[in-house]
Amino acid sequence: MSAEDFGFPDLYRLRTPAEYKNVFSNPVKSTDRYFTVLAINSPLPHPRLGLAIAKKAIKKAVARNRIKRTVRESFRLQKQQIVNIDIVVLARGDAANADVQILRKSLERHWLKLVDRCDSCS
């Protein structure tokens, strides 16, 4: 694998409100104590990630940014296994105080669950 395999360019991001709205309209959900993850099948040949980390759930900016970095890193490392789905990650209140390793394990379970569920939807 080269260094660019682990990058996070714009083509792997949900950018516009319409793209987010599309995911929120009829998603496959995966929820636990730390995250709610929504996904839909995408016509594109690669996965895309969107983040919706609300101030209401995670009060401190430091915690929100740490969660965002953790989600992006997990997505970059797993994007080879995640095929053509659009994903939106919403953080829950318990994520603010959780250890980074716990968040990574939680996200790995979500990625696997969503890939299985979205494959069965097609």
PDB file of N, CA and C in Angstrom:
ATOM      1  N   MET A   1       0.830  -1.181   0.000  1.00  0.00           N
ATOM      2  CA  MET A   1       0.000   0.000   0.000  1.00  0.00           C
ATOM      3  C   MET A   1       0.876   1.247   0.000  1.00  0.00           C
ATOM      4  N   SER A   2       0.449   2.204  -0.751  1.00  0.00           N
ATOM      5  CA  SER A   2       1.197   3.457  -0.815  1.00  0.00           C
ATOM      6  C   SER A   2       0.605   4.476   0.157  1.00  0.00           C
ATOM      7  N   ALA A   3       1.293   5.588   0.308  1.00  0.00           N
ATOM      8  CA  ALA A   3       0.831   6.638   1.225  1.00  0.00           C
ATOM      9  C   ALA A   3      -0.513   7.209   0.792  1.00  0.00           C
ATOM     10  N   GLU A   4      -0.767   7.261  -0.515  1.00  0.00           N
ATOM     11  CA  GLU A   4      -2.036   7.827  -0.979  1.00  0.00           C
ATOM     12  C   GLU A   4      -3.224   6.926  -0.676  1.00  0.00           C
ATOM     13  N   ASP A   5      -2.983   5.631  -0.400  1.00  0.00           N
ATOM     14  CA  ASP A   5      -4.068   4.735  -0.014  1.00  0.00           C
ATOM     15  C   ASP A   5      -4.670   5.131   1.333  1.00  0.00           C
ATOM     16  N   PHE A   6      -3.896   5.845   2.144  1.00  0.00           N
ATOM     17  CA  PHE A   6      -4.363   6.227   3.463  1.00  0.00           C
ATOM     18  C   PHE A   6      -4.753   7.701   3.541  1.00  0.00           C
ATOM     19  N   GLY A   7      -4.810   8.381   2.414  1.00  0.00           N
ATOM     20  CA  GLY A   7      -5.220   9.775   2.399  1.00  0.00           C
ATOM     21  C   GLY A   7      -6.723   9.900   2.587  1.00  0.00           C
ATOM     22  N   PHE A   8      -7.186  11.132   2.676  1.00  0.00           N
ATOM     23  CA  PHE A   8      -8.621  11.380   2.808  1.00  0.00           C
ATOM     24  C   PHE A   8      -9.019  12.530   1.891  1.00  0.00           C
ATOM     25  N   PRO A   9      -8.927  12.299   0.560  1.00  0.00           N
ATOM     26  CA  PRO A   9      -9.245  13.363  -0.391  1.00  0.00           C
ATOM     27  C   PRO A   9     -10.744  13.662  -0.447  1.00  0.00           C
ATOM     28  N   ASP A  10     -11.090  14.733  -1.151  1.00  0.00           N
ATOM     29  CA  ASP A  10     -12.471  15.193  -1.247  1.00  0.00           C
ATOM     30  C   ASP A  10     -13.431  14.151  -1.824  1.00  0.00           C
ATOM     31  N   LEU A  11     -12.956  13.273  -2.695  1.00  0.00           N
ATOM     32  CA  LEU A  11     -13.879  12.320  -3.293  1.00  0.00           C
ATOM     33  C   LEU A  11     -14.391  11.304  -2.285  1.00  0.00           C
ATOM     34  N   TYR A  12     -13.781  11.199  -1.105  1.00  0.00           N
ATOM     35  CA  TYR A  12     -14.249  10.302  -0.054  1.00  0.00           C
ATOM     36  C   TYR A  12     -15.101  11.021   0.992  1.00  0.00           C
ATOM     37  N   ARG A  13     -15.503  12.253   0.720  1.00  0.00           N
ATOM     38  CA  ARG A  13     -16.278  13.035   1.680  1.00  0.00           C
ATOM     39  C   ARG A  13     -17.660  13.374   1.126  1.00  0.00           C
ATOM     40  N   LEU A  14     -18.630  13.402   2.015  1.00  0.00           N
ATOM     41  CA  LEU A  14     -19.931  13.961   1.658  1.00  0.00           C
ATOM     42  C   LEU A  14     -19.780  15.468   1.791  1.00  0.00           C
ATOM     43  N   ARG A  15     -20.115  16.212   0.748  1.00  0.00           N
ATOM     44  CA  ARG A  15     -19.821  17.639   0.730  1.00  0.00           C
ATOM     45  C   ARG A  15     -21.052  18.537   0.845  1.00  0.00           C
ATOM     46  N   THR A  16     -22.100  18.207   0.163  1.00  0.00           N
ATOM     47  CA  THR A  16     -23.230  19.125   0.057  1.00  0.00           C
ATOM     48  C   THR A  16     -24.384  18.701   0.975  1.00  0.00           C
ATOM     49  N   PRO A  17     -25.230  19.654   1.329  1.00  0.00           N
ATOM     50  CA  PRO A  17     -26.418  19.304   2.125  1.00  0.00           C
ATOM     51  C   PRO A  17     -27.306  18.265   1.428  1.00  0.00           C
ATOM     52  N   ALA A  18     -27.353  18.289   0.117  1.00  0.00           N
ATOM     53  CA  ALA A  18     -28.166  17.311  -0.614  1.00  0.00           C
ATOM     54  C   ALA A  18     -27.628  15.894  -0.416  1.00  0.00           C
ATOM     55  N   GLU A  19     -26.314  15.740  -0.362  1.00  0.00           N
ATOM     56  CA  GLU A  19     -25.725  14.414  -0.141  1.00  0.00           C
ATOM     57  C   GLU A  19     -26.045  13.909   1.263  1.00  0.00           C
ATOM     58  N   TYR A  20     -25.974  14.802   2.249  1.00  0.00           N
ATOM     59  CA  TYR A  20     -26.342  14.425   3.615  1.00  0.00           C
ATOM     60  C   TYR A  20     -27.828  14.079   3.689  1.00  0.00           C
ATOM     61  N   LYS A  21     -28.658  14.886   3.054  1.00  0.00           N
ATOM     62  CA  LYS A  21     -30.102  14.666   3.073  1.00  0.00           C
ATOM     63  C   LYS A  21     -30.452  13.317   2.455  1.00  0.00           C
ATOM     64  N   ASN A  22     -29.734  12.946   1.415  1.00  0.00           N
ATOM     65  CA  ASN A  22     -29.942  11.660   0.768  1.00  0.00           C
ATOM     66  C   ASN A  22     -29.685  10.514   1.750  1.00  0.00           C
ATOM     67  N   VAL A  23     -28.636  10.621   2.551  1.00  0.00           N
ATOM     68  CA  VAL A  23     -28.326   9.580   3.527  1.00  0.00           C
ATOM     69  C   VAL A  23     -29.373   9.561   4.643  1.00  0.00           C
ATOM     70  N   PHE A  24     -29.801  10.736   5.105  1.00  0.00           N
ATOM     71  CA  PHE A  24     -30.774  10.806   6.188  1.00  0.00           C
ATOM     72  C   PHE A  24     -32.170  10.355   5.757  1.00  0.00           C
ATOM     73  N   SER A  25     -32.460  10.344   4.454  1.00  0.00           N
ATOM     74  CA  SER A  25     -33.814  10.061   3.993  1.00  0.00           C
ATOM     75  C   SER A  25     -34.257   8.624   4.252  1.00  0.00           C
ATOM     76  N   ASN A  26     -33.415   7.642   3.959  1.00  0.00           N
ATOM     77  CA  ASN A  26     -33.821   6.245   4.124  1.00  0.00           C
ATOM     78  C   ASN A  26     -32.593   5.384   4.435  1.00  0.00           C
ATOM     79  N   PRO A  27     -31.993   5.549   5.622  1.00  0.00           N
ATOM     80  CA  PRO A  27     -30.717   4.885   5.885  1.00  0.00           C
ATOM     81  C   PRO A  27     -30.854   3.498   6.508  1.00  0.00           C
ATOM     82  N   VAL A  28     -29.740   2.779   6.451  1.00  0.00           N
ATOM     83  CA  VAL A  28     -29.531   1.591   7.267  1.00  0.00           C
ATOM     84  C   VAL A  28     -28.809   2.101   8.499  1.00  0.00           C
ATOM     85  N   LYS A  29     -29.286   1.744   9.708  1.00  0.00           N
ATOM     86  CA  LYS A  29     -28.729   2.305  10.939  1.00  0.00           C
ATOM     87  C   LYS A  29     -27.934   1.273  11.722  1.00  0.00           C
ATOM     88  N   SER A  30     -26.922   1.792  12.415  1.00  0.00           N
ATOM     89  CA  SER A  30     -26.175   1.002  13.377  1.00  0.00           C
ATOM     90  C   SER A  30     -25.924   1.914  14.569  1.00  0.00           C
ATOM     91  N   THR A  31     -26.331   1.487  15.750  1.00  0.00           N
ATOM     92  CA  THR A  31     -26.248   2.344  16.926  1.00  0.00           C
ATOM     93  C   THR A  31     -25.619   1.591  18.094  1.00  0.00           C
ATOM     94  N   ASP A  32     -24.808   2.294  18.848  1.00  0.00           N
ATOM     95  CA  ASP A  32     -24.317   1.797  20.126  1.00  0.00           C
ATOM     96  C   ASP A  32     -24.220   2.961  21.095  1.00  0.00           C
ATOM     97  N   ARG A  33     -23.486   2.775  22.152  1.00  0.00           N
ATOM     98  CA  ARG A  33     -23.378   3.777  23.204  1.00  0.00           C
ATOM     99  C   ARG A  33     -22.681   5.052  22.754  1.00  0.00           C
ATOM    100  N   TYR A  34     -21.796   4.940  21.761  1.00  0.00           N
ATOM    101  CA  TYR A  34     -20.946   6.059  21.370  1.00  0.00           C
ATOM    102  C   TYR A  34     -21.362   6.732  20.064  1.00  0.00           C
ATOM    103  N   PHE A  35     -21.889   5.953  19.126  1.00  0.00           N
ATOM    104  CA  PHE A  35     -22.184   6.490  17.800  1.00  0.00           C
ATOM    105  C   PHE A  35     -23.515   5.965  17.273  1.00  0.00           C
ATOM    106  N   THR A  36     -24.116   6.767  16.410  1.00  0.00           N
ATOM    107  CA  THR A  36     -25.178   6.308  15.516  1.00  0.00           C
ATOM    108  C   THR A  36     -24.616   6.508  14.119  1.00  0.00           C
ATOM    109  N   VAL A  37     -24.598   5.444  13.347  1.00  0.00           N
ATOM    110  CA  VAL A  37     -24.023   5.494  12.005  1.00  0.00           C
ATOM    111  C   VAL A  37     -25.117   5.154  11.009  1.00  0.00           C
ATOM    112  N   LEU A  38     -25.287   6.034  10.020  1.00  0.00           N
ATOM    113  CA  LEU A  38     -26.301   5.861   8.981  1.00  0.00           C
ATOM    114  C   LEU A  38     -25.595   5.589   7.662  1.00  0.00           C
ATOM    115  N   ALA A  39     -26.174   4.730   6.838  1.00  0.00           N
ATOM    116  CA  ALA A  39     -25.543   4.412   5.556  1.00  0.00           C
ATOM    117  C   ALA A  39     -26.597   4.087   4.504  1.00  0.00           C
ATOM    118  N   ILE A  40     -26.233   4.378   3.260  1.00  0.00           N
ATOM    119  CA  ILE A  40     -27.036   3.975   2.107  1.00  0.00           C
ATOM    120  C   ILE A  40     -26.089   3.509   1.007  1.00  0.00           C
ATOM    121  N   ASN A  41     -26.614   2.724   0.085  1.00  0.00           N
ATOM    122  CA  ASN A  41     -25.819   2.331  -1.074  1.00  0.00           C
ATOM    123  C   ASN A  41     -25.595   3.542  -1.962  1.00  0.00           C
ATOM    124  N   SER A  42     -24.424   3.594  -2.567  1.00  0.00           N
ATOM    125  CA  SER A  42     -24.058   4.720  -3.416  1.00  0.00           C
ATOM    126  C   SER A  42     -23.785   4.235  -4.837  1.00  0.00           C
ATOM    127  N   PRO A  43     -24.091   5.059  -5.828  1.00  0.00           N
ATOM    128  CA  PRO A  43     -23.774   4.670  -7.203  1.00  0.00           C
ATOM    129  C   PRO A  43     -22.284   4.788  -7.514  1.00  0.00           C
ATOM    130  N   LEU A  44     -21.531   5.466  -6.669  1.00  0.00           N
ATOM    131  CA  LEU A  44     -20.097   5.646  -6.888  1.00  0.00           C
ATOM    132  C   LEU A  44     -19.341   4.375  -6.512  1.00  0.00           C
ATOM    133  N   PRO A  45     -18.164   4.162  -7.102  1.00  0.00           N
ATOM    134  CA  PRO A  45     -17.413   2.926  -6.830  1.00  0.00           C
ATOM    135  C   PRO A  45     -16.598   2.964  -5.541  1.00  0.00           C
ATOM    136  N   HIS A  46     -16.771   3.993  -4.730  1.00  0.00           N
ATOM    137  CA  HIS A  46     -15.986   4.121  -3.497  1.00  0.00           C
ATOM    138  C   HIS A  46     -16.881   4.647  -2.376  1.00  0.00           C
ATOM    139  N   PRO A  47     -16.487   4.432  -1.127  1.00  0.00           N
ATOM    140  CA  PRO A  47     -17.289   4.929  -0.012  1.00  0.00           C
ATOM    141  C   PRO A  47     -17.061   6.412   0.226  1.00  0.00           C
ATOM    142  N   ARG A  48     -18.054   7.052   0.868  1.00  0.00           N
ATOM    143  CA  ARG A  48     -17.904   8.459   1.263  1.00  0.00           C
ATOM    144  C   ARG A  48     -18.357   8.601   2.717  1.00  0.00           C
ATOM    145  N   LEU A  49     -17.726   9.536   3.414  1.00  0.00           N
ATOM    146  CA  LEU A  49     -17.980   9.740   4.833  1.00  0.00           C
ATOM    147  C   LEU A  49     -18.454  11.157   5.097  1.00  0.00           C
ATOM    148  N   GLY A  50     -19.446  11.286   5.961  1.00  0.00           N
ATOM    149  CA  GLY A  50     -19.900  12.580   6.438  1.00  0.00           C
ATOM    150  C   GLY A  50     -19.972  12.543   7.954  1.00  0.00           C
ATOM    151  N   LEU A  51     -19.651  13.657   8.589  1.00  0.00           N
ATOM    152  CA  LEU A  51     -19.662  13.741  10.042  1.00  0.00           C
ATOM    153  C   LEU A  51     -20.728  14.732  10.494  1.00  0.00           C
ATOM    154  N   ALA A  52     -21.476  14.358  11.523  1.00  0.00           N
ATOM    155  CA  ALA A  52     -22.468  15.243  12.120  1.00  0.00           C
ATOM    156  C   ALA A  52     -22.281  15.141  13.631  1.00  0.00           C
ATOM    157  N   ILE A  53     -21.307  15.872  14.137  1.00  0.00           N
ATOM    158  CA  ILE A  53     -20.961  15.838  15.555  1.00  0.00           C
ATOM    159  C   ILE A  53     -21.554  17.102  16.178  1.00  0.00           C
ATOM    160  N   ALA A  54     -22.662  16.954  16.872  1.00  0.00           N
ATOM    161  CA  ALA A  54     -23.434  18.100  17.355  1.00  0.00           C
ATOM    162  C   ALA A  54     -22.875  18.669  18.659  1.00  0.00           C
ATOM    163  N   LYS A  55     -22.933  19.987  18.755  1.00  0.00           N
ATOM    164  CA  LYS A  55     -22.552  20.671  19.996  1.00  0.00           C
ATOM    165  C   LYS A  55     -23.462  20.263  21.147  1.00  0.00           C
ATOM    166  N   LYS A  56     -24.679  19.978  20.822  1.00  0.00           N
ATOM    167  CA  LYS A  56     -25.645  19.604  21.860  1.00  0.00           C
ATOM    168  C   LYS A  56     -25.228  18.300  22.548  1.00  0.00           C
ATOM    169  N   ALA A  57     -24.683  17.367  21.779  1.00  0.00           N
ATOM    170  CA  ALA A  57     -24.271  16.072  22.332  1.00  0.00           C
ATOM    171  C   ALA A  57     -22.878  16.136  22.943  1.00  0.00           C
ATOM    172  N   ILE A  58     -21.944  16.808  22.266  1.00  0.00           N
ATOM    173  CA  ILE A  58     -20.549  16.911  22.706  1.00  0.00           C
ATOM    174  C   ILE A  58     -20.264  18.392  22.929  1.00  0.00           C
ATOM    175  N   LYS A  59     -20.261  18.812  24.157  1.00  0.00           N
ATOM    176  CA  LYS A  59     -20.180  20.239  24.490  1.00  0.00           C
ATOM    177  C   LYS A  59     -18.856  20.901  24.123  1.00  0.00           C
ATOM    178  N   LYS A  60     -17.741  20.257  24.423  1.00  0.00           N
ATOM    179  CA  LYS A  60     -16.431  20.897  24.253  1.00  0.00           C
ATOM    180  C   LYS A  60     -15.861  20.653  22.860  1.00  0.00           C
ATOM    181  N   ALA A  61     -15.323  21.715  22.274  1.00  0.00           N
ATOM    182  CA  ALA A  61     -14.752  21.631  20.928  1.00  0.00           C
ATOM    183  C   ALA A  61     -13.586  20.649  20.873  1.00  0.00           C
ATOM    184  N   VAL A  62     -12.806  20.589  21.925  1.00  0.00           N
ATOM    185  CA  VAL A  62     -11.673  19.673  21.972  1.00  0.00           C
ATOM    186  C   VAL A  62     -12.153  18.232  21.810  1.00  0.00           C
ATOM    187  N   ALA A  63     -13.209  17.885  22.506  1.00  0.00           N
ATOM    188  CA  ALA A  63     -13.755  16.532  22.421  1.00  0.00           C
ATOM    189  C   ALA A  63     -14.351  16.271  21.043  1.00  0.00           C
ATOM    190  N   ARG A  64     -15.072  17.257  20.485  1.00  0.00           N
ATOM    191  CA  ARG A  64     -15.645  17.078  19.134  1.00  0.00           C
ATOM    192  C   ARG A  64     -14.549  16.835  18.109  1.00  0.00           C
ATOM    193  N   ASN A  65     -13.479  17.622  18.183  1.00  0.00           N
ATOM    194  CA  ASN A  65     -12.389  17.470  17.212  1.00  0.00           C
ATOM    195  C   ASN A  65     -11.666  16.140  17.375  1.00  0.00           C
ATOM    196  N   ARG A  66     -11.498  15.675  18.607  1.00  0.00           N
ATOM    197  CA  ARG A  66     -10.861  14.371  18.844  1.00  0.00           C
ATOM    198  C   ARG A  66     -11.710  13.259  18.246  1.00  0.00           C
ATOM    199  N   ILE A  67     -13.026  13.361  18.415  1.00  0.00           N
ATOM    200  CA  ILE A  67     -13.927  12.354  17.847  1.00  0.00           C
ATOM    201  C   ILE A  67     -13.864  12.382  16.326  1.00  0.00           C
ATOM    202  N   LYS A  68     -13.854  13.559  15.738  1.00  0.00           N
ATOM    203  CA  LYS A  68     -13.770  13.670  14.273  1.00  0.00           C
ATOM    204  C   LYS A  68     -12.484  13.042  13.746  1.00  0.00           C
ATOM    205  N   ARG A  69     -11.367  13.339  14.398  1.00  0.00           N
ATOM    206  CA  ARG A  69     -10.087  12.757  13.969  1.00  0.00           C
ATOM    207  C   ARG A  69     -10.116  11.236  14.065  1.00  0.00           C
ATOM    208  N   THR A  70     -10.698  10.729  15.139  1.00  0.00           N
ATOM    209  CA  THR A  70     -10.777   9.284  15.335  1.00  0.00           C
ATOM    210  C   THR A  70     -11.644   8.627  14.262  1.00  0.00           C
ATOM    211  N   VAL A  71     -12.782   9.245  13.944  1.00  0.00           N
ATOM    212  CA  VAL A  71     -13.674   8.688  12.924  1.00  0.00           C
ATOM    213  C   VAL A  71     -12.995   8.701  11.558  1.00  0.00           C
ATOM    214  N   ARG A  72     -12.367   9.818  11.200  1.00  0.00           N
ATOM    215  CA  ARG A  72     -11.676   9.902   9.904  1.00  0.00           C
ATOM    216  C   ARG A  72     -10.562   8.869   9.792  1.00  0.00           C
ATOM    217  N   GLU A  73      -9.796   8.717  10.855  1.00  0.00           N
ATOM    218  CA  GLU A  73      -8.691   7.755  10.832  1.00  0.00           C
ATOM    219  C   GLU A  73      -9.215   6.335  10.663  1.00  0.00           C
ATOM    220  N   SER A  74     -10.252   5.987  11.417  1.00  0.00           N
ATOM    221  CA  SER A  74     -10.835   4.659  11.305  1.00  0.00           C
ATOM    222  C   SER A  74     -11.370   4.415   9.893  1.00  0.00           C
ATOM    223  N   PHE A  75     -12.038   5.412   9.331  1.00  0.00           N
ATOM    224  CA  PHE A  75     -12.576   5.294   7.970  1.00  0.00           C
ATOM    225  C   PHE A  75     -11.453   5.095   6.959  1.00  0.00           C
ATOM    226  N   ARG A  76     -10.387   5.886   7.057  1.00  0.00           N
ATOM    227  CA  ARG A  76      -9.269   5.757   6.121  1.00  0.00           C
ATOM    228  C   ARG A  76      -8.651   4.377   6.169  1.00  0.00           C
ATOM    229  N   LEU A  77      -8.506   3.824   7.371  1.00  0.00           N
ATOM    230  CA  LEU A  77      -7.885   2.516   7.510  1.00  0.00           C
ATOM    231  C   LEU A  77      -8.798   1.388   7.030  1.00  0.00           C
ATOM    232  N   GLN A  78     -10.102   1.587   7.080  1.00  0.00           N
ATOM    233  CA  GLN A  78     -11.053   0.541   6.719  1.00  0.00           C
ATOM    234  C   GLN A  78     -11.691   0.721   5.340  1.00  0.00           C
ATOM    235  N   LYS A  79     -11.371   1.793   4.633  1.00  0.00           N
ATOM    236  CA  LYS A  79     -12.109   2.083   3.400  1.00  0.00           C
ATOM    237  C   LYS A  79     -11.909   1.043   2.302  1.00  0.00           C
ATOM    238  N   GLN A  80     -10.876   0.214   2.406  1.00  0.00           N
ATOM    239  CA  GLN A  80     -10.695  -0.860   1.428  1.00  0.00           C
ATOM    240  C   GLN A  80     -11.781  -1.929   1.573  1.00  0.00           C
ATOM    241  N   GLN A  81     -12.257  -2.147   2.810  1.00  0.00           N
ATOM    242  CA  GLN A  81     -13.302  -3.137   3.064  1.00  0.00           C
ATOM    243  C   GLN A  81     -14.704  -2.558   2.880  1.00  0.00           C
ATOM    244  N   ILE A  82     -14.819  -1.250   3.031  1.00  0.00           N
ATOM    245  CA  ILE A  82     -16.116  -0.596   2.860  1.00  0.00           C
ATOM    246  C   ILE A  82     -16.253  -0.269   1.378  1.00  0.00           C
ATOM    247  N   VAL A  83     -17.207  -0.842   0.711  1.00  0.00           N
ATOM    248  CA  VAL A  83     -17.330  -0.614  -0.727  1.00  0.00           C
ATOM    249  C   VAL A  83     -18.142   0.629  -1.017  1.00  0.00           C
ATOM    250  N   ASN A  84     -19.091   0.570  -1.857  1.00  0.00           N
ATOM    251  CA  ASN A  84     -19.798   1.757  -2.351  1.00  0.00           C
ATOM    252  C   ASN A  84     -20.987   2.144  -1.472  1.00  0.00           C
ATOM    253  N   ILE A  85     -20.698   2.680  -0.293  1.00  0.00           N
ATOM    254  CA  ILE A  85     -21.769   3.188   0.556  1.00  0.00           C
ATOM    255  C   ILE A  85     -21.428   4.598   1.033  1.00  0.00           C
ATOM    256  N   ASP A  86     -22.471   5.383   1.227  1.00  0.00           N
ATOM    257  CA  ASP A  86     -22.327   6.716   1.817  1.00  0.00           C
ATOM    258  C   ASP A  86     -22.678   6.591   3.296  1.00  0.00           C
ATOM    259  N   ILE A  87     -21.828   7.149   4.154  1.00  0.00           N
ATOM    260  CA  ILE A  87     -21.960   6.987   5.601  1.00  0.00           C
ATOM    261  C   ILE A  87     -22.006   8.349   6.279  1.00  0.00           C
ATOM    262  N   VAL A  88     -22.895   8.506   7.250  1.00  0.00           N
ATOM    263  CA  VAL A  88     -22.897   9.679   8.120  1.00  0.00           C
ATOM    264  C   VAL A  88     -22.762   9.174   9.556  1.00  0.00           C
ATOM    265  N   VAL A  89     -21.791   9.722  10.281  1.00  0.00           N
ATOM    266  CA  VAL A  89     -21.544   9.334  11.666  1.00  0.00           C
ATOM    267  C   VAL A  89     -22.040  10.448  12.575  1.00  0.00           C
ATOM    268  N   LEU A  90     -22.893  10.089  13.533  1.00  0.00           N
ATOM    269  CA  LEU A  90     -23.375  11.018  14.554  1.00  0.00           C
ATOM    270  C   LEU A  90     -22.831  10.543  15.900  1.00  0.00           C
ATOM    271  N   ALA A  91     -22.225  11.448  16.650  1.00  0.00           N
ATOM    272  CA  ALA A  91     -21.675  11.076  17.957  1.00  0.00           C
ATOM    273  C   ALA A  91     -22.737  11.222  19.028  1.00  0.00           C
ATOM    274  N   ARG A  92     -22.684  10.348  20.014  1.00  0.00           N
ATOM    275  CA  ARG A  92     -23.576  10.414  21.167  1.00  0.00           C
ATOM    276  C   ARG A  92     -22.783  10.923  22.363  1.00  0.00           C
ATOM    277  N   GLY A  93     -23.461  11.303  23.408  1.00  0.00           N
ATOM    278  CA  GLY A  93     -22.847  11.946  24.559  1.00  0.00           C
ATOM    279  C   GLY A  93     -21.723  11.163  25.214  1.00  0.00           C
ATOM    280  N   ASP A  94     -21.831   9.845  25.276  1.00  0.00           N
ATOM    281  CA  ASP A  94     -20.801   9.034  25.926  1.00  0.00           C
ATOM    282  C   ASP A  94     -19.473   9.045  25.183  1.00  0.00           C
ATOM    283  N   ALA A  95     -19.472   9.419  23.925  1.00  0.00           N
ATOM    284  CA  ALA A  95     -18.233   9.449  23.142  1.00  0.00           C
ATOM    285  C   ALA A  95     -17.268  10.524  23.631  1.00  0.00           C
ATOM    286  N   ALA A  96     -17.787  11.555  24.274  1.00  0.00           N
ATOM    287  CA  ALA A  96     -16.941  12.661  24.728  1.00  0.00           C
ATOM    288  C   ALA A  96     -15.901  12.214  25.732  1.00  0.00           C
ATOM    289  N   ASN A  97     -16.242  11.285  26.605  1.00  0.00           N
ATOM    290  CA  ASN A  97     -15.327  10.860  27.659  1.00  0.00           C
ATOM    291  C   ASN A  97     -14.694   9.503  27.405  1.00  0.00           C
ATOM    292  N   ALA A  98     -14.996   8.884  26.281  1.00  0.00           N
ATOM    293  CA  ALA A  98     -14.484   7.545  25.990  1.00  0.00           C
ATOM    294  C   ALA A  98     -13.044   7.601  25.503  1.00  0.00           C
ATOM    295  N   ASP A  99     -12.315   6.533  25.765  1.00  0.00           N
ATOM    296  CA  ASP A  99     -10.945   6.399  25.292  1.00  0.00           C
ATOM    297  C   ASP A  99     -10.944   6.186  23.776  1.00  0.00           C
ATOM    298  N   VAL A 100      -9.880   6.642  23.131  1.00  0.00           N
ATOM    299  CA  VAL A 100      -9.782   6.542  21.667  1.00  0.00           C
ATOM    300  C   VAL A 100      -9.831   5.083  21.208  1.00  0.00           C
ATOM    301  N   GLN A 101      -9.207   4.175  21.942  1.00  0.00           N
ATOM    302  CA  GLN A 101      -9.228   2.761  21.552  1.00  0.00           C
ATOM    303  C   GLN A 101     -10.642   2.190  21.571  1.00  0.00           C
ATOM    304  N   ILE A 102     -11.423   2.592  22.532  1.00  0.00           N
ATOM    305  CA  ILE A 102     -12.815   2.134  22.608  1.00  0.00           C
ATOM    306  C   ILE A 102     -13.608   2.669  21.418  1.00  0.00           C
ATOM    307  N   LEU A 103     -13.380   3.931  21.064  1.00  0.00           N
ATOM    308  CA  LEU A 103     -14.079   4.517  19.918  1.00  0.00           C
ATOM    309  C   LEU A 103     -13.698   3.802  18.627  1.00  0.00           C
ATOM    310  N   ARG A 104     -12.414   3.488  18.464  1.00  0.00           N
ATOM    311  CA  ARG A 104     -11.971   2.776  17.255  1.00  0.00           C
ATOM    312  C   ARG A 104     -12.636   1.413  17.137  1.00  0.00           C
ATOM    313  N   LYS A 105     -12.695   0.673  18.232  1.00  0.00           N
ATOM    314  CA  LYS A 105     -13.331  -0.652  18.198  1.00  0.00           C
ATOM    315  C   LYS A 105     -14.817  -0.534  17.883  1.00  0.00           C
ATOM    316  N   SER A 106     -15.447   0.465  18.469  1.00  0.00           N
ATOM    317  CA  SER A 106     -16.864   0.698  18.185  1.00  0.00           C
ATOM    318  C   SER A 106     -17.075   0.973  16.698  1.00  0.00           C
ATOM    319  N   LEU A 107     -16.239   1.835  16.133  1.00  0.00           N
ATOM    320  CA  LEU A 107     -16.371   2.172  14.711  1.00  0.00           C
ATOM    321  C   LEU A 107     -16.108   0.968  13.818  1.00  0.00           C
ATOM    322  N   GLU A 108     -15.132   0.134  14.160  1.00  0.00           N
ATOM    323  CA  GLU A 108     -14.860  -1.060  13.352  1.00  0.00           C
ATOM    324  C   GLU A 108     -16.084  -1.969  13.314  1.00  0.00           C
ATOM    325  N   ARG A 109     -16.745  -2.122  14.459  1.00  0.00           N
ATOM    326  CA  ARG A 109     -17.966  -2.937  14.485  1.00  0.00           C
ATOM    327  C   ARG A 109     -19.053  -2.319  13.602  1.00  0.00           C
ATOM    328  N   HIS A 110     -19.169  -0.991  13.656  1.00  0.00           N
ATOM    329  CA  HIS A 110     -20.163  -0.312  12.810  1.00  0.00           C
ATOM    330  C   HIS A 110     -19.860  -0.519  11.331  1.00  0.00           C
ATOM    331  N   TRP A 111     -18.602  -0.361  10.926  1.00  0.00           N
ATOM    332  CA  TRP A 111     -18.255  -0.517   9.503  1.00  0.00           C
ATOM    333  C   TRP A 111     -18.642  -1.916   9.028  1.00  0.00           C
ATOM    334  N   LEU A 112     -18.270  -2.948   9.789  1.00  0.00           N
ATOM    335  CA  LEU A 112     -18.580  -4.321   9.385  1.00  0.00           C
ATOM    336  C   LEU A 112     -20.083  -4.565   9.312  1.00  0.00           C
ATOM    337  N   LYS A 113     -20.804  -4.069  10.300  1.00  0.00           N
ATOM    338  CA  LYS A 113     -22.252  -4.260  10.342  1.00  0.00           C
ATOM    339  C   LYS A 113     -22.926  -3.575   9.153  1.00  0.00           C
ATOM    340  N   LEU A 114     -22.491  -2.356   8.838  1.00  0.00           N
ATOM    341  CA  LEU A 114     -23.118  -1.613   7.744  1.00  0.00           C
ATOM    342  C   LEU A 114     -22.809  -2.219   6.383  1.00  0.00           C
ATOM    343  N   VAL A 115     -21.594  -2.718   6.211  1.00  0.00           N
ATOM    344  CA  VAL A 115     -21.256  -3.366   4.943  1.00  0.00           C
ATOM    345  C   VAL A 115     -22.154  -4.579   4.738  1.00  0.00           C
ATOM    346  N   ASP A 116     -22.345  -5.379   5.786  1.00  0.00           N
ATOM    347  CA  ASP A 116     -23.225  -6.552   5.670  1.00  0.00           C
ATOM    348  C   ASP A 116     -24.666  -6.148   5.389  1.00  0.00           C
ATOM    349  N   ARG A 117     -25.167  -5.167   6.107  1.00  0.00           N
ATOM    350  CA  ARG A 117     -26.561  -4.752   5.931  1.00  0.00           C
ATOM    351  C   ARG A 117     -26.806  -4.104   4.577  1.00  0.00           C
ATOM    352  N   CYS A 118     -25.860  -3.288   4.117  1.00  0.00           N
ATOM    353  CA  CYS A 118     -26.050  -2.624   2.823  1.00  0.00           C
ATOM    354  C   CYS A 118     -25.911  -3.613   1.667  1.00  0.00           C
ATOM    355  N   ASP A 119     -25.107  -4.664   1.834  1.00  0.00           N
ATOM    356  CA  ASP A 119     -25.005  -5.696   0.799  1.00  0.00           C
ATOM    357  C   ASP A 119     -26.321  -6.430   0.655  1.00  0.00           C
ATOM    358  N   SER A 120     -26.984  -6.682   1.765  1.00  0.00           N
ATOM    359  CA  SER A 120     -28.254  -7.403   1.710  1.00  0.00           C
ATOM    360  C   SER A 120     -29.394  -6.547   1.157  1.00  0.00           C
ATOM    361  N   CYS A 121     -29.221  -5.202   1.224  1.00  0.00           N
ATOM    362  CA  CYS A 121     -30.268  -4.295   0.713  1.00  0.00           C
ATOM    363  C   CYS A 121     -30.249  -4.209  -0.807  1.00  0.00           C
ATOM    364  N   SER A 122     -29.107  -4.430  -1.428  1.00  0.00           N
ATOM    365  CA  SER A 122     -29.015  -4.276  -2.885  1.00  0.00           C
ATOM    366  C   SER A 122     -29.658  -5.408  -3.616  1.00  0.00           C
TER     367      SER A 122
END
